[in-house]
Amino acid sequence: MSATRYTYLGPAGTFTEAALRTLPEAATRELVPLATVPLVLDAVRGGDASGAFVPIENSVEGAVTATNDELAAGAPLMIYREVLLPISFALLVRPGTDLAGIKTVTSHPVAQAQVRRWLAANLPDAQWESAASNADGARLVAEGRYDGAFAGEFAAPIYGLDPLVKDIADAQTATTRFVLVGRPGRVSSPTGADKTSMVVWLPDDHPGALLELLQEFAVRGVNLMRIESRPTGEGIGNYCFLIDCEGHLSERRVAEAVMGLKRICPQVRFLGSYPRADRQVSTHRRPGTSDAEFTAAADWLSRCLDGRADA
């Protein structure tokens, strides 16, 4: 395995690359762009890279389904870091192009959802088509395949394009979350502001099945940050759930919730405990859910077994 190589969703000039370069270790790694999320992750599975960097969700469009599906299927991987990147787009065109000359535009589907209203107001007759990534859309414009691409302004000089319009965003607070993924290994030490991710399959389809899953977190005071359902491919109505919760697996409340899931669900895939990108410490601690309180309860139970319970 190449310990000095990270793969990422390319080509050069994607928001994924921009987010990856915010990590200090990126300066000492060979950064290799690949065309699709499966290729990026399979490079780690196959030992060609030690880390893969991919988008996983957007605050406007929601989950990046290719990433979520790949993490749920195939050889197991783990998340070790996350990055939050504010997103705004530029309309990139070949030099000399004006708005009146734009008949076709392209971008990644997640990007299209973030500029939909701007597109309807300013280029209502333009035909939009999907690209593998925003930077790939810029490449296609440079090749003459399309008239304009919605991408990061920083991609313009890479492909010899001009940013005709800058700072395009239907939602001014749009943010994309990216994750650094590697092969399963030892979980990093807790920081006090952590997140734990997993994939859970329900045991069967019965009334209250999802409620039973959620109660494993609720009764232990573990706050869920995200829950996404994805089809398993095994027929209509068969779903797995991708879950992010506050806390670290080394915390008793989180560990017991995960063990509870393992008891009632046929399959639980642990995706990692890692520092939160926003560094926010959980404010949702309920009484009775601290490690000290779990330890005190366990000590009391031991005294009960020994006949030394408190009166």
Protein backbone atom coordinates (compact mmCIF):
# COMPACT_ATOMS: atom_id res chain seq x y z
CA MET A 1 0.00 0.00 0.00
CA SER A 2 1.20 3.49 -0.79
CA ALA A 3 1.17 5.28 2.56
CA THR A 4 1.89 8.61 0.88
CA ARG A 5 -0.96 8.61 -1.65
CA TYR A 6 -4.48 9.98 -1.26
CA THR A 7 -7.09 9.63 -3.98
CA TYR A 8 -9.94 12.09 -4.41
CA LEU A 9 -12.90 12.78 -6.68
CA GLY A 10 -11.39 14.54 -9.67
CA PRO A 11 -10.34 15.84 -12.04
CA ALA A 12 -8.16 18.68 -10.75
CA GLY A 13 -10.13 21.73 -9.66
CA THR A 14 -13.03 20.06 -7.82
CA PHE A 15 -14.41 21.28 -4.53
CA THR A 16 -13.25 17.90 -3.22
CA GLU A 17 -9.66 18.83 -4.02
CA ALA A 18 -10.10 22.26 -2.42
CA ALA A 19 -11.45 20.64 0.77
CA LEU A 20 -8.70 18.01 0.80
CA ARG A 21 -6.01 20.67 0.63
CA THR A 22 -7.27 22.15 3.91
CA LEU A 23 -5.93 19.07 5.71
CA PRO A 24 -2.34 19.60 6.95
CA GLU A 25 -1.29 16.10 5.88
CA ALA A 26 -2.32 16.81 2.28
CA ALA A 27 0.88 18.83 1.86
CA THR A 28 2.96 15.67 2.35
CA ARG A 29 0.85 13.28 0.23
CA GLU A 30 0.64 12.51 -3.45
CA LEU A 31 -2.89 13.61 -4.37
CA VAL A 32 -4.36 11.53 -7.19
CA PRO A 33 -7.66 12.54 -8.85
CA LEU A 34 -9.96 9.75 -10.06
CA ALA A 35 -13.14 10.02 -12.09
CA THR A 36 -15.76 8.46 -9.78
CA VAL A 37 -16.41 7.84 -6.10
CA PRO A 38 -16.22 4.03 -6.52
CA LEU A 39 -12.80 4.34 -8.18
CA VAL A 40 -11.58 6.66 -5.41
CA LEU A 41 -12.63 4.25 -2.66
CA ASP A 42 -11.55 1.10 -4.49
CA ALA A 43 -8.02 2.50 -4.68
CA VAL A 44 -7.90 2.22 -0.89
CA ARG A 45 -9.58 -1.17 -0.84
CA GLY A 46 -7.04 -2.43 -3.36
CA GLY A 47 -4.03 -0.99 -1.56
CA ASP A 48 -3.12 1.64 -4.15
CA ALA A 49 -3.69 4.48 -1.66
CA SER A 50 -3.83 4.89 2.11
CA GLY A 51 -6.63 7.45 2.06
CA ALA A 52 -9.60 8.42 -0.09
CA PHE A 53 -11.31 11.81 0.10
CA VAL A 54 -14.92 12.08 -1.07
CA PRO A 55 -18.05 14.22 -0.55
CA ILE A 56 -20.70 12.60 1.62
CA GLU A 57 -23.47 15.19 2.10
CA ASN A 58 -24.55 18.70 1.17
CA SER A 59 -26.63 21.07 3.27
CA VAL A 60 -28.93 21.81 0.30
CA GLU A 61 -29.17 18.60 -1.70
CA GLY A 62 -28.60 16.11 1.13
CA ALA A 63 -26.70 12.85 0.85
CA VAL A 64 -24.17 12.11 -1.87
CA THR A 65 -25.68 8.74 -2.67
CA ALA A 66 -22.64 7.30 -4.48
CA THR A 67 -20.52 7.74 -1.36
CA ASN A 68 -23.15 6.45 1.04
CA ASP A 69 -23.85 3.38 -1.08
CA GLU A 70 -20.15 2.58 -1.44
CA LEU A 71 -19.57 2.84 2.31
CA ALA A 72 -22.51 0.50 2.96
CA ALA A 73 -21.38 -2.11 0.41
CA GLY A 74 -18.14 -3.79 -0.56
CA ALA A 75 -15.10 -4.30 1.62
CA PRO A 76 -15.37 -2.30 4.88
CA LEU A 77 -13.82 1.16 5.14
CA MET A 78 -13.58 3.65 8.00
CA ILE A 79 -13.91 7.42 8.23
CA TYR A 80 -10.98 9.12 9.96
CA ARG A 81 -11.54 12.84 9.32
CA GLU A 82 -14.21 15.18 8.03
CA VAL A 83 -14.07 18.64 6.44
CA LEU A 84 -16.86 21.20 6.02
CA LEU A 85 -16.45 23.50 3.02
CA PRO A 86 -18.71 26.50 2.25
CA ILE A 87 -19.81 26.25 -1.38
CA SER A 88 -20.50 28.91 -4.00
CA PHE A 89 -20.22 28.57 -7.74
CA ALA A 90 -18.95 30.53 -10.69
CA LEU A 91 -20.31 30.19 -14.20
CA LEU A 92 -17.21 29.25 -16.17
CA VAL A 93 -17.13 29.93 -19.92
CA ARG A 94 -14.66 30.07 -22.78
CA PRO A 95 -13.15 33.54 -23.25
CA GLY A 96 -15.43 35.85 -25.20
CA THR A 97 -18.68 34.10 -24.22
CA ASP A 98 -21.53 36.20 -22.80
CA LEU A 99 -24.80 35.16 -21.19
CA ALA A 100 -26.67 35.44 -24.49
CA GLY A 101 -24.33 32.87 -25.99
CA ILE A 102 -24.96 30.20 -23.37
CA LYS A 103 -27.31 27.52 -24.66
CA THR A 104 -25.97 24.51 -22.75
CA VAL A 105 -24.62 24.24 -19.20
CA THR A 106 -23.28 21.39 -17.10
CA SER A 107 -22.27 20.51 -13.54
CA HIS A 108 -22.48 17.69 -11.03
CA PRO A 109 -26.14 16.94 -10.13
CA VAL A 110 -25.57 18.05 -6.52
CA ALA A 111 -24.36 21.42 -7.82
CA GLN A 112 -27.33 21.81 -10.14
CA ALA A 113 -29.65 21.64 -7.15
CA GLN A 114 -27.77 24.54 -5.55
CA VAL A 115 -28.05 26.91 -8.55
CA ARG A 116 -31.50 25.91 -9.79
CA ARG A 117 -33.22 29.21 -9.00
CA TRP A 118 -30.35 31.30 -10.41
CA LEU A 119 -30.42 29.23 -13.58
CA ALA A 120 -34.19 29.66 -13.97
CA ALA A 121 -33.93 33.44 -13.47
CA ASN A 122 -30.89 34.10 -15.66
CA LEU A 123 -30.70 31.28 -18.23
CA PRO A 124 -34.25 29.90 -18.40
CA ASP A 125 -33.79 28.41 -21.88
CA ALA A 126 -30.38 26.84 -21.32
CA GLN A 127 -30.20 23.05 -21.49
CA TRP A 128 -28.54 21.47 -18.47
CA GLU A 129 -26.75 18.11 -18.54
CA SER A 130 -25.00 16.18 -15.80
CA ALA A 131 -21.20 15.89 -15.45
CA ALA A 132 -19.19 13.44 -13.36
CA SER A 133 -17.94 16.39 -11.25
CA ASN A 134 -17.99 20.18 -11.45
CA ALA A 135 -14.38 20.27 -12.58
CA ASP A 136 -15.13 17.68 -15.24
CA GLY A 137 -17.89 20.00 -16.42
CA ALA A 138 -15.30 22.78 -16.73
CA ARG A 139 -13.11 20.44 -18.77
CA LEU A 140 -16.03 19.70 -21.10
CA VAL A 141 -16.62 23.43 -21.60
CA ALA A 142 -12.95 23.91 -22.46
CA GLU A 143 -13.32 21.14 -25.04
CA GLY A 144 -16.33 22.88 -26.57
CA ARG A 145 -18.91 20.30 -25.47
CA TYR A 146 -20.93 22.83 -23.46
CA ASP A 147 -21.14 26.60 -23.27
CA GLY A 148 -20.90 26.98 -19.49
CA ALA A 149 -20.16 25.02 -16.32
CA PHE A 150 -21.01 25.69 -12.70
CA ALA A 151 -17.83 25.03 -10.74
CA GLY A 152 -15.48 26.60 -8.23
CA GLU A 153 -13.92 29.84 -9.46
CA PHE A 154 -10.51 28.33 -8.69
CA ALA A 155 -11.06 25.83 -11.55
CA ALA A 156 -11.12 28.58 -14.20
CA PRO A 157 -7.34 28.99 -14.74
CA ILE A 158 -6.83 25.21 -14.73
CA TYR A 159 -9.02 24.85 -17.82
CA GLY A 160 -8.38 28.22 -19.48
CA LEU A 161 -11.87 29.52 -18.76
CA ASP A 162 -13.29 32.81 -17.54
CA PRO A 163 -15.63 33.18 -14.52
CA LEU A 164 -18.48 35.02 -16.26
CA VAL A 165 -20.56 35.24 -13.06
CA LYS A 166 -19.20 34.68 -9.56
CA ASP A 167 -20.65 33.79 -6.14
CA ILE A 168 -23.70 31.93 -7.42
CA ALA A 169 -25.65 30.12 -4.69
CA ASP A 170 -29.37 29.78 -4.13
CA ALA A 171 -28.60 29.19 -0.44
CA GLN A 172 -25.89 31.49 0.84
CA THR A 173 -24.95 29.12 3.67
CA ALA A 174 -24.55 26.05 1.44
CA THR A 175 -21.92 23.68 2.80
CA THR A 176 -20.60 20.31 1.68
CA ARG A 177 -19.21 17.74 4.06
CA PHE A 178 -16.26 15.63 2.92
CA VAL A 179 -14.68 12.60 4.61
CA LEU A 180 -11.22 11.05 4.60
CA VAL A 181 -11.64 7.29 4.37
CA GLY A 182 -9.15 4.48 4.90
CA ARG A 183 -8.99 0.79 5.64
CA PRO A 184 -10.34 -0.27 9.06
CA GLY A 185 -7.88 0.39 11.87
CA ARG A 186 -7.60 1.55 15.44
CA VAL A 187 -9.99 4.35 16.30
CA SER A 188 -8.33 7.67 17.11
CA SER A 189 -8.45 8.99 20.67
CA PRO A 190 -11.55 10.99 21.66
CA THR A 191 -11.29 14.77 21.50
CA GLY A 192 -14.48 15.67 23.39
CA ALA A 193 -16.09 16.87 20.14
CA ASP A 194 -16.51 13.69 18.12
CA LYS A 195 -18.88 11.92 15.79
CA THR A 196 -19.55 8.20 15.29
CA SER A 197 -20.88 6.77 12.02
CA MET A 198 -22.38 3.40 11.16
CA VAL A 199 -24.65 1.51 8.77
CA VAL A 200 -27.50 -0.52 10.25
CA TRP A 201 -29.75 -3.12 8.64
CA LEU A 202 -33.16 -3.79 10.23
CA PRO A 203 -33.79 -7.40 11.30
CA ASP A 204 -37.14 -7.58 9.48
CA ASP A 205 -40.09 -5.45 8.44
CA HIS A 206 -42.46 -5.19 11.38
CA PRO A 207 -44.35 -2.38 13.16
CA GLY A 208 -41.95 -0.35 15.31
CA ALA A 209 -38.76 -1.79 13.78
CA LEU A 210 -37.22 1.63 13.16
CA LEU A 211 -38.43 2.87 16.56
CA GLU A 212 -36.64 -0.02 18.25
CA LEU A 213 -33.43 0.99 16.49
CA LEU A 214 -33.79 4.63 17.50
CA GLN A 215 -34.56 3.74 21.12
CA GLU A 216 -31.08 2.25 21.51
CA PHE A 217 -29.77 5.81 21.16
CA ALA A 218 -32.60 7.60 22.95
CA VAL A 219 -32.49 5.64 26.21
CA ARG A 220 -28.76 6.34 26.50
CA GLY A 221 -29.00 10.03 25.69
CA VAL A 222 -27.09 9.77 22.40
CA ASN A 223 -28.07 12.51 19.96
CA LEU A 224 -28.43 11.58 16.28
CA MET A 225 -26.93 14.05 13.82
CA ARG A 226 -28.01 12.30 10.62
CA ILE A 227 -30.03 9.28 9.55
CA GLU A 228 -30.39 8.35 5.88
CA SER A 229 -32.25 5.38 4.43
CA ARG A 230 -30.83 3.67 1.34
CA PRO A 231 -32.22 0.71 -0.58
CA THR A 232 -30.23 -2.50 -0.16
CA GLY A 233 -30.88 -3.69 -3.70
CA GLU A 234 -32.68 -6.76 -2.38
CA GLY A 235 -36.17 -5.69 -3.41
CA ILE A 236 -38.70 -2.92 -2.81
CA GLY A 237 -39.00 -2.06 0.88
CA ASN A 238 -35.55 -3.33 1.91
CA TYR A 239 -33.46 -0.52 3.38
CA CYS A 240 -30.39 0.09 5.45
CA PHE A 241 -29.79 3.22 7.50
CA LEU A 242 -26.65 5.36 7.57
CA ILE A 243 -26.38 7.02 10.97
CA ASP A 244 -24.15 9.72 12.46
CA CYS A 245 -24.39 10.32 16.19
CA GLU A 246 -22.66 12.61 18.64
CA GLY A 247 -19.88 11.13 20.73
CA HIS A 248 -17.04 8.64 20.47
CA LEU A 249 -17.15 4.85 20.58
CA SER A 250 -14.92 4.94 23.67
CA GLU A 251 -17.75 6.69 25.59
CA ARG A 252 -19.92 4.23 27.48
CA ARG A 253 -23.21 5.71 26.28
CA VAL A 254 -22.17 5.43 22.63
CA ALA A 255 -20.59 1.99 23.05
CA GLU A 256 -23.69 0.59 24.75
CA ALA A 257 -25.95 2.06 22.06
CA VAL A 258 -23.87 0.39 19.35
CA MET A 259 -23.85 -2.89 21.27
CA GLY A 260 -27.61 -2.60 21.63
CA LEU A 261 -27.94 -2.25 17.87
CA LYS A 262 -25.73 -5.28 17.34
CA ARG A 263 -27.98 -7.35 19.58
CA ILE A 264 -31.18 -6.56 17.67
CA CYS A 265 -29.95 -6.03 14.10
CA PRO A 266 -28.52 -8.70 11.78
CA GLN A 267 -25.77 -6.43 10.53
CA VAL A 268 -24.11 -3.27 11.86
CA ARG A 269 -21.15 -1.78 9.98
CA PHE A 270 -19.02 0.54 12.10
CA LEU A 271 -17.72 3.43 9.96
CA GLY A 272 -15.58 5.15 12.57
CA SER A 273 -15.37 7.65 15.43
CA TYR A 274 -13.55 10.83 14.46
CA PRO A 275 -13.29 14.54 15.35
CA ARG A 276 -16.17 16.77 14.34
CA ALA A 277 -15.14 19.36 11.78
CA ASP A 278 -17.09 22.07 13.59
CA ARG A 279 -15.37 21.19 16.91
CA GLN A 280 -18.69 21.63 18.73
CA VAL A 281 -18.93 19.83 22.04
CA SER A 282 -22.24 18.05 22.61
CA THR A 283 -24.75 20.00 24.70
CA HIS A 284 -27.29 17.18 24.75
CA ARG A 285 -25.98 15.20 27.74
CA ARG A 286 -28.87 13.91 29.80
CA PRO A 287 -28.48 13.06 33.49
CA GLY A 288 -27.32 9.47 33.94
CA THR A 289 -25.44 9.19 30.62
CA SER A 290 -21.88 10.20 31.56
CA ASP A 291 -19.08 7.62 31.74
CA ALA A 292 -18.84 8.22 35.49
CA GLU A 293 -22.53 7.42 35.96
CA PHE A 294 -22.26 4.26 33.84
CA THR A 295 -19.28 3.16 35.95
CA ALA A 296 -21.10 3.90 39.20
CA ALA A 297 -24.10 1.86 38.05
CA ALA A 298 -21.84 -1.07 37.08
CA ASP A 299 -20.13 -0.92 40.49
CA TRP A 300 -23.51 -0.96 42.21
CA LEU A 301 -24.55 -4.02 40.16
CA SER A 302 -21.36 -5.82 41.25
CA ARG A 303 -22.18 -5.07 44.88
CA CYS A 304 -25.67 -6.47 44.34
CA LEU A 305 -24.21 -9.72 43.01
CA ASP A 306 -21.90 -9.90 46.04
CA GLY A 307 -24.65 -9.16 48.53
CA ARG A 308 -23.23 -5.73 49.29
CA ALA A 309 -25.94 -3.56 47.69
CA ASP A 310 -26.73 -0.24 49.27
CA ALA A 311 -29.65 -0.27 51.61
